[in-house]
Protein backbone atom coordinates (compact mmCIF):
# COMPACT_ATOMS: atom_id res chain seq x y z
CA MET A 1 -11.00 -2.90 16.55
CA ASP A 2 -10.65 -4.92 19.82
CA GLU A 3 -10.28 -2.52 22.44
CA ALA A 4 -7.69 -3.88 24.55
CA VAL A 5 -4.86 -3.94 22.38
CA LEU A 6 -5.52 -0.07 20.64
CA GLU A 7 -5.46 0.68 25.06
CA GLN A 8 -2.29 -1.63 24.65
CA ILE A 9 -0.58 0.02 21.37
CA LEU A 10 -1.31 3.63 22.38
CA GLN A 11 -0.62 3.17 26.55
CA SER A 12 3.16 1.88 24.97
CA ALA A 13 3.84 5.46 22.10
CA PRO A 14 5.17 7.36 25.43
CA LYS A 15 7.63 5.12 26.29
CA MET A 16 9.15 4.70 22.55
CA LYS A 17 11.84 5.65 20.71
CA ILE A 18 11.17 6.88 17.09
CA LEU A 19 13.62 7.46 13.91
CA VAL A 20 12.31 8.87 10.92
CA LEU A 21 15.03 8.80 7.93
CA GLY A 22 14.21 10.29 4.37
CA ASP A 23 13.49 13.38 2.31
CA TYR A 24 12.61 16.39 5.11
CA PHE A 25 10.24 18.78 2.67
CA LEU A 26 8.22 22.18 4.29
CA ASP A 27 5.13 22.63 3.18
CA HIS A 28 5.00 26.81 2.79
CA TYR A 29 1.09 27.61 2.62
CA LEU A 30 0.90 31.72 0.75
CA TYR A 31 -2.98 32.73 1.03
CA ALA A 32 -3.56 35.87 -1.15
CA ASP A 33 -6.96 37.36 -1.04
CA SER A 34 -8.49 37.87 -4.04
CA ALA A 35 -10.15 41.21 -2.85
CA LEU A 36 -6.85 42.84 -2.30
CA ASP A 37 -5.78 42.00 -5.95
CA GLU A 38 -3.28 45.02 -7.30
CA VAL A 39 -2.06 45.51 -11.15
CA SER A 40 1.46 45.05 -11.22
CA ARG A 41 2.42 49.52 -12.69
CA GLU A 42 5.60 47.53 -14.72
CA THR A 43 3.57 44.48 -16.13
CA GLY A 44 0.28 45.36 -16.01
CA LEU A 45 0.17 41.16 -14.31
CA THR A 46 -2.28 40.61 -11.41
CA ALA A 47 -0.18 41.34 -8.31
CA TYR A 48 -1.42 38.78 -5.31
CA GLN A 49 -1.38 39.69 -2.06
CA VAL A 50 -0.13 37.39 0.41
CA THR A 51 -2.17 38.19 4.50
CA ARG A 52 -1.27 35.11 5.74
CA VAL A 53 1.34 32.33 5.26
CA GLN A 54 1.96 29.12 7.02
CA SER A 55 4.90 26.74 7.20
CA SER A 56 4.46 23.03 8.80
CA PRO A 57 7.47 19.80 8.34
CA GLY A 58 5.95 18.21 4.81
CA ALA A 59 6.88 14.53 3.58
CA ALA A 60 8.77 12.73 6.17
CA GLY A 61 8.01 15.66 8.53
CA THR A 62 4.37 14.36 8.12
CA VAL A 63 4.93 11.38 9.41
CA VAL A 64 6.32 12.51 12.33
CA ASN A 65 3.73 14.94 12.35
CA ASN A 66 1.94 12.06 13.12
CA LEU A 67 4.12 10.21 14.76
CA HIS A 68 3.54 13.31 17.80
CA ALA A 69 -0.10 13.33 17.76
CA LEU A 70 -0.07 9.42 18.93
CA GLY A 71 2.03 10.46 21.67
CA VAL A 72 5.77 9.03 20.83
CA GLY A 73 7.56 9.67 23.71
CA THR A 74 11.05 10.48 21.22
CA ILE A 75 11.52 11.26 17.46
CA TYR A 76 15.13 11.33 15.54
CA ALA A 77 14.97 13.06 12.34
CA ILE A 78 17.93 11.74 10.25
CA GLY A 79 17.61 13.25 6.82
CA VAL A 80 19.46 16.22 4.58
CA ILE A 81 18.57 20.53 4.68
CA GLY A 82 19.97 23.16 2.65
CA ARG A 83 21.31 25.70 5.84
CA ASP A 84 19.11 28.04 4.45
CA GLY A 85 15.80 30.36 5.21
CA TYR A 86 13.67 27.31 4.97
CA GLY A 87 15.75 24.93 6.79
CA TYR A 88 15.11 26.98 9.90
CA GLN A 89 11.59 27.33 9.65
CA LEU A 90 11.64 23.94 9.21
CA LYS A 91 13.86 23.22 11.91
CA GLN A 92 11.67 24.93 14.47
CA GLY A 93 8.35 22.75 12.84
CA LEU A 94 10.80 20.09 14.70
CA LEU A 95 11.19 21.02 17.47
CA GLU A 96 8.50 22.21 18.85
CA GLN A 97 7.34 18.96 18.47
CA ASN A 98 10.07 18.15 20.43
CA VAL A 99 12.05 15.85 17.89
CA LYS A 100 15.71 15.68 17.82
CA LEU A 101 17.36 16.44 15.49
CA ASP A 102 21.14 14.81 15.42
CA GLY A 103 20.29 12.94 12.64
CA MET A 104 19.76 16.15 10.56
CA VAL A 105 22.37 17.19 8.22
CA GLU A 106 22.88 20.91 7.22
CA THR A 107 25.35 22.17 5.28
CA ALA A 108 25.20 24.87 2.30
CA LEU A 109 25.82 22.94 -0.82
CA ARG A 110 21.36 22.00 -0.74
CA VAL A 111 18.60 23.61 -0.38
CA THR A 112 15.98 22.87 1.78
CA PRO A 113 13.13 20.78 -0.01
CA ALA A 114 9.94 22.88 0.14
CA TYR A 115 6.67 22.58 -1.93
CA ILE A 116 5.42 25.79 -1.69
CA LYS A 117 1.14 26.00 -2.52
CA PRO A 118 0.41 29.65 -3.16
CA MET A 119 -3.96 29.97 -2.02
CA TYR A 120 -5.96 31.85 -3.78
CA GLY A 121 -9.75 33.29 -2.11
CA THR A 122 -11.50 35.19 0.39
CA GLY A 123 -13.20 34.69 3.20
CA GLU A 124 -13.26 30.79 4.44
CA SER A 125 -12.69 30.08 0.37
CA TYR A 126 -9.54 29.15 -1.02
CA ALA A 127 -8.22 26.60 -3.93
CA GLU A 128 -4.39 26.25 -4.36
CA LEU A 129 -2.66 27.25 -7.50
CA ASN A 130 0.25 25.91 -8.88
CA ARG A 131 2.70 24.81 -6.46
CA LEU A 132 5.92 25.25 -6.79
CA ASP A 133 8.85 22.91 -6.11
CA ILE A 134 11.81 23.33 -4.14
CA LYS A 135 14.16 20.37 -4.97
CA ASN A 136 17.16 19.82 -4.81
CA TRP A 137 19.02 18.45 -8.79
CA HIS A 138 22.60 17.46 -8.89
CA PRO A 139 23.47 14.28 -6.79
CA LEU A 140 24.14 13.61 -2.94
CA GLU A 141 27.56 14.91 -2.64
CA GLY A 142 29.63 11.98 -1.15
CA PRO A 143 30.86 13.78 2.37
CA ILE A 144 27.18 14.62 3.04
CA GLU A 145 25.49 10.94 2.35
CA GLU A 146 28.38 9.72 4.59
CA ASP A 147 27.96 12.03 7.44
CA LEU A 148 24.26 11.12 7.36
CA ILE A 149 25.51 7.54 7.13
CA HIS A 150 27.28 7.98 10.40
CA ARG A 151 24.50 10.01 12.53
CA LEU A 152 22.24 6.43 10.98
CA ARG A 153 24.33 3.48 12.41
CA GLY A 154 24.68 5.69 15.45
CA LEU A 155 21.02 6.09 15.95
CA MET A 156 19.40 2.81 14.63
CA SER A 157 20.91 0.68 17.20
CA ASP A 158 19.05 3.26 19.86
CA VAL A 159 15.72 3.19 19.11
CA ASP A 160 12.38 0.98 19.16
CA ALA A 161 11.48 1.44 15.81
CA VAL A 162 12.57 2.95 12.36
CA LEU A 163 10.71 4.64 9.61
CA VAL A 164 11.59 5.49 5.86
CA MET A 165 9.99 7.63 3.61
CA ASP A 166 12.13 7.83 0.50
CA GLN A 167 10.14 10.83 -1.34
CA VAL A 168 12.35 12.20 -3.41
CA GLU A 169 11.39 10.53 -7.13
CA GLU A 170 15.02 10.99 -9.14
CA ASP A 171 18.06 8.70 -8.43
CA GLU A 172 20.73 9.68 -6.23
CA ARG A 173 18.49 13.07 -5.55
CA GLY A 174 17.45 12.84 -1.71
CA ALA A 175 18.54 11.15 0.99
CA ILE A 176 17.50 7.35 0.87
CA THR A 177 20.76 7.31 -1.72
CA THR A 178 21.53 3.71 -2.83
CA LYS A 179 24.90 3.06 -0.69
CA VAL A 180 22.41 4.16 2.41
CA ARG A 181 19.93 1.49 1.42
CA GLY A 182 23.12 -0.84 1.71
CA VAL A 183 23.43 0.41 5.21
CA LEU A 184 19.94 0.60 6.11
CA ALA A 185 19.78 -3.26 4.88
CA ASP A 186 23.18 -4.12 6.63
CA GLU A 187 21.52 -2.78 10.17
CA ALA A 188 18.27 -3.86 9.71
CA LYS A 189 19.90 -7.19 9.25
CA ARG A 190 21.66 -7.28 12.36
CA LEU A 191 18.88 -5.12 14.71
CA THR A 192 16.78 -7.94 14.45
CA GLY A 193 14.32 -7.29 17.03
CA THR A 194 14.29 -4.27 15.57
CA PRO A 195 10.87 -2.80 13.20
CA VAL A 196 12.40 -1.10 10.00
CA LEU A 197 9.32 -0.13 7.57
CA VAL A 198 9.56 1.53 4.22
CA ASP A 199 7.59 4.05 2.24
CA SER A 200 8.94 4.38 -1.00
CA ARG A 201 7.29 6.26 -3.72
CA SER A 202 10.15 4.92 -7.28
CA ARG A 203 12.46 2.39 -5.34
CA ILE A 204 10.24 0.04 -2.83
CA GLY A 205 11.80 -3.17 -4.78
CA GLU A 206 15.57 -2.24 -4.19
CA PHE A 207 14.95 -1.81 -0.62
CA ARG A 208 15.84 -5.56 2.08
CA ASN A 209 16.28 -6.52 4.87
CA VAL A 210 12.75 -4.60 5.55
CA MET A 211 9.12 -4.60 6.06
CA LEU A 212 7.80 -2.78 2.44
CA LYS A 213 4.32 -0.36 2.27
CA PRO A 214 3.93 -0.26 -1.19
CA ASN A 215 0.62 1.07 -2.72
CA GLN A 216 -0.59 -1.10 -5.39
CA GLN A 217 0.88 0.40 -8.70
CA GLU A 218 4.24 1.23 -6.81
CA ALA A 219 4.04 -3.36 -5.99
CA LEU A 220 3.68 -3.94 -9.19
CA ALA A 221 6.00 -1.86 -10.32
CA ALA A 222 7.80 -2.98 -8.39
CA VAL A 223 8.16 -6.48 -9.38
CA ASN A 224 8.88 -5.97 -13.48
CA ASN A 225 5.64 -3.92 -14.50
CA ASP A 226 4.20 -7.00 -14.77
CA SER A 227 1.02 -6.94 -15.12
CA SER A 228 -0.60 -10.36 -15.98
CA LEU A 229 0.14 -10.37 -11.97
CA ASP A 230 -2.37 -10.44 -9.23
CA ILE A 231 -1.43 -8.23 -6.34
CA GLU A 232 -1.33 -11.30 -3.69
CA THR A 233 1.10 -12.78 -6.29
CA ALA A 234 3.17 -9.59 -6.18
CA ALA A 235 3.27 -9.45 -2.69
CA LYS A 236 4.90 -12.47 -2.43
CA VAL A 237 7.01 -11.65 -4.45
CA LEU A 238 8.69 -8.54 -2.73
CA TYR A 239 8.57 -10.96 0.67
CA SER A 240 10.33 -13.05 -1.25
CA ARG A 241 13.41 -10.71 -1.82
CA VAL A 242 12.69 -8.65 1.79
CA GLY A 243 11.89 -11.27 4.29
CA ARG A 244 9.70 -9.17 6.13
CA PRO A 245 6.33 -8.90 6.59
CA VAL A 246 4.67 -6.15 3.00
CA PHE A 247 2.20 -3.97 3.34
CA VAL A 248 0.19 -3.40 0.03
CA THR A 249 -1.93 -0.41 0.47
CA LEU A 250 -4.89 -0.14 -1.30
CA GLY A 251 -6.93 3.28 -1.25
CA ASN A 252 -10.27 3.53 0.01
CA ARG A 253 -10.63 -1.02 0.12
CA GLY A 254 -7.82 -1.12 2.98
CA GLN A 255 -4.12 -3.25 3.03
CA LEU A 256 -3.16 -6.03 1.76
CA VAL A 257 -0.70 -8.05 4.24
CA HIS A 258 1.99 -11.16 3.75
CA ASP A 259 3.54 -12.22 6.22
CA GLY A 260 5.71 -15.39 4.78
CA THR A 261 3.24 -17.98 6.68
CA LYS A 262 -0.46 -16.17 5.50
CA THR A 263 -1.78 -13.12 3.02
CA VAL A 264 -4.57 -11.20 4.93
CA PHE A 265 -6.60 -8.88 3.08
CA VAL A 266 -7.53 -5.83 5.87
CA PRO A 267 -10.38 -4.08 5.02
CA ALA A 268 -10.57 -0.22 5.94
CA PHE A 269 -13.01 1.49 8.40
CA ASP A 270 -16.23 2.62 7.14
CA VAL A 271 -16.55 7.05 6.84
CA ASP A 272 -19.15 9.33 7.10
CA GLY A 273 -19.36 12.06 5.16
CA PRO A 274 -17.08 13.48 2.28
CA THR A 275 -13.05 12.43 2.71
CA ASP A 276 -10.10 14.14 1.67
CA PRO A 277 -7.13 11.56 1.27
CA VAL A 278 -3.96 14.15 1.72
CA GLY A 279 -1.50 12.63 3.77
CA ALA A 280 -3.36 9.35 4.74
CA GLY A 281 -0.37 7.32 3.85
CA ASP A 282 1.39 8.81 6.15
CA SER A 283 -0.67 8.80 9.37
CA VAL A 284 -1.41 4.71 8.34
CA SER A 285 2.91 4.75 8.10
CA ALA A 286 3.31 6.35 11.43
CA SER A 287 0.52 4.30 13.26
CA MET A 288 1.38 1.03 11.33
CA ALA A 289 5.12 1.95 12.87
CA VAL A 290 4.20 2.71 16.38
CA ALA A 291 2.04 -0.76 16.33
CA LEU A 292 4.83 -3.02 15.40
CA CYS A 293 6.73 -1.31 17.88
CA ALA A 294 4.24 -1.81 20.83
CA GLY A 295 4.82 -5.84 19.83
CA GLN A 296 1.40 -6.62 17.94
CA SER A 297 1.50 -8.29 14.40
CA ALA A 298 1.24 -7.51 11.17
CA PHE A 299 -1.57 -7.63 10.82
CA ASN A 300 -3.03 -5.57 13.70
CA ALA A 301 -0.62 -3.09 12.79
CA ALA A 302 -2.16 -2.94 9.29
CA VAL A 303 -5.80 -2.92 11.60
CA PHE A 304 -3.88 0.43 13.36
CA GLY A 305 -3.37 1.85 10.06
CA ASN A 306 -6.26 1.98 8.57
CA LEU A 307 -8.02 2.81 12.54
CA THR A 308 -6.21 6.13 11.92
CA ALA A 309 -6.44 6.73 8.57
CA SER A 310 -10.87 6.61 8.84
CA VAL A 311 -9.94 9.41 11.74
CA THR A 312 -7.13 11.87 9.57
CA VAL A 313 -9.27 11.00 5.93
CA ALA A 314 -12.34 12.48 7.45
CA LYS A 315 -10.39 16.34 8.43
CA ILE A 316 -11.07 18.52 4.85
CA GLY A 317 -8.39 20.52 3.52
CA THR A 318 -5.76 19.66 6.00
CA THR A 319 -2.86 17.22 6.12
CA GLY A 320 -4.46 15.38 9.23
CA THR A 321 -3.15 13.52 12.40
CA ALA A 322 -5.23 11.55 15.00
CA SER A 323 -4.81 11.42 18.55
CA PRO A 324 -5.46 9.34 21.20
CA GLN A 325 -8.41 9.97 21.87
CA GLU A 326 -9.73 10.49 18.76
CA LEU A 327 -8.91 6.91 17.48
CA ARG A 328 -10.84 5.68 20.78
CA ASN A 329 -13.24 7.85 20.17
CA ARG A 330 -13.87 5.83 16.26
CA CYS A 331 -13.04 2.62 17.74
CA ARG A 332 -16.43 2.27 19.71
CA VAL A 333 -18.04 3.38 17.23
CA HIS A 334 -17.39 0.86 14.85
CA GLN A 335 -18.15 -1.04 17.17
CA ARG A 336 -21.43 -0.45 17.76
CA ARG A 337 -21.74 -0.14 13.80
CA ASP A 338 -20.89 -4.14 14.68
C-alpha cells in the first residue's frame, strides 16, 4: 500500500465521527484453573474453579474496538441492551473507549446478548470449552424498535460514516429488523455523501442503498443460492440491487470489489508465521469505513482493510486490533518485500 495514502487515512481518523449500528454482545471469559478442580459433594461432578474473569464488548462492539484502535475521534454506538449486569459491563467497556452511548437503548424487556466463554487449563495454557450464548428469543418490541429508529434518524445526519453489524441470525430478534433496514435504506438514499457499510450474517441481500461486505458464501446465498454463478457475477447482482460498491471477502485470499464500473481482485497481504482469523472480518469492516470516510476509493479501502487484517490475524488467541504504528510498520515490511 502506498505510504502517502496510508498516512492520509491515519491522519484523517481523529477528525472522524463514525456511527456503529447493530447487535452489541458482551464477550465474557471465565478462566478455570484445572489444578484447582474440586468434586461437588452434592452431585459428584467436577466443580471448576474460576480464578480470573475478563469481559469486553463483542459483535458490533468488536468493530468499535477496532475503530478506537485506529484513532477515530468520535464513535457512536446504537443498539439495544438489557438493563442488567451484562449490560452494565458492556457499557463500561464502551465508555472506557470514549464511545458515545446516545443511541444505546436500555430496557428491562430484553437481555443483554452475551457470549459466555469458559476457558479451562492452567498456567499459560487454556482451551475454550462449550460456549454459552445469551440471546433474545422473541421479536424486538414495537416501542423499543421505534426508540431505536428515532435515535438512528437523529444521529445519521451528524456523522461521517455508518457501520451496520447485523449479527443475530434469527429474524426480527436483533437490532436490525425489517423496519430498521427500511429506515436505513431511506436515510442512506437521502445522505448520498455518507458511506454506509453493512456486514450481515444472514440477510446481506435484503439491504438497499448501502455498501455491502459479504463473504463468498453470504454473497452466493444472497443471490438465491445459485451455485452456477461465479463470485464476480454474484457481486454484480448485489450491486444491481444496492447501487453501491460491494466488497466480497475471500478469507486469506483477499477481496473482490465491484463499484459499478469495474471488478477488481484485491489480494491479501502475506503474513509470516501462525495466524488466527477470529475478529479479522470486524477489523476489515472498521478499517474500510475509515478509509471511505477519508475519501478513498472502494479499491483503496479494500487494500487498507486487507492491510489491517494482516496485522490482526497475527495476534494469536485474541480478537486483535491494529494501531496506526502497527499499520505503518506492516506497510513498510510489505514494501521492502516488493
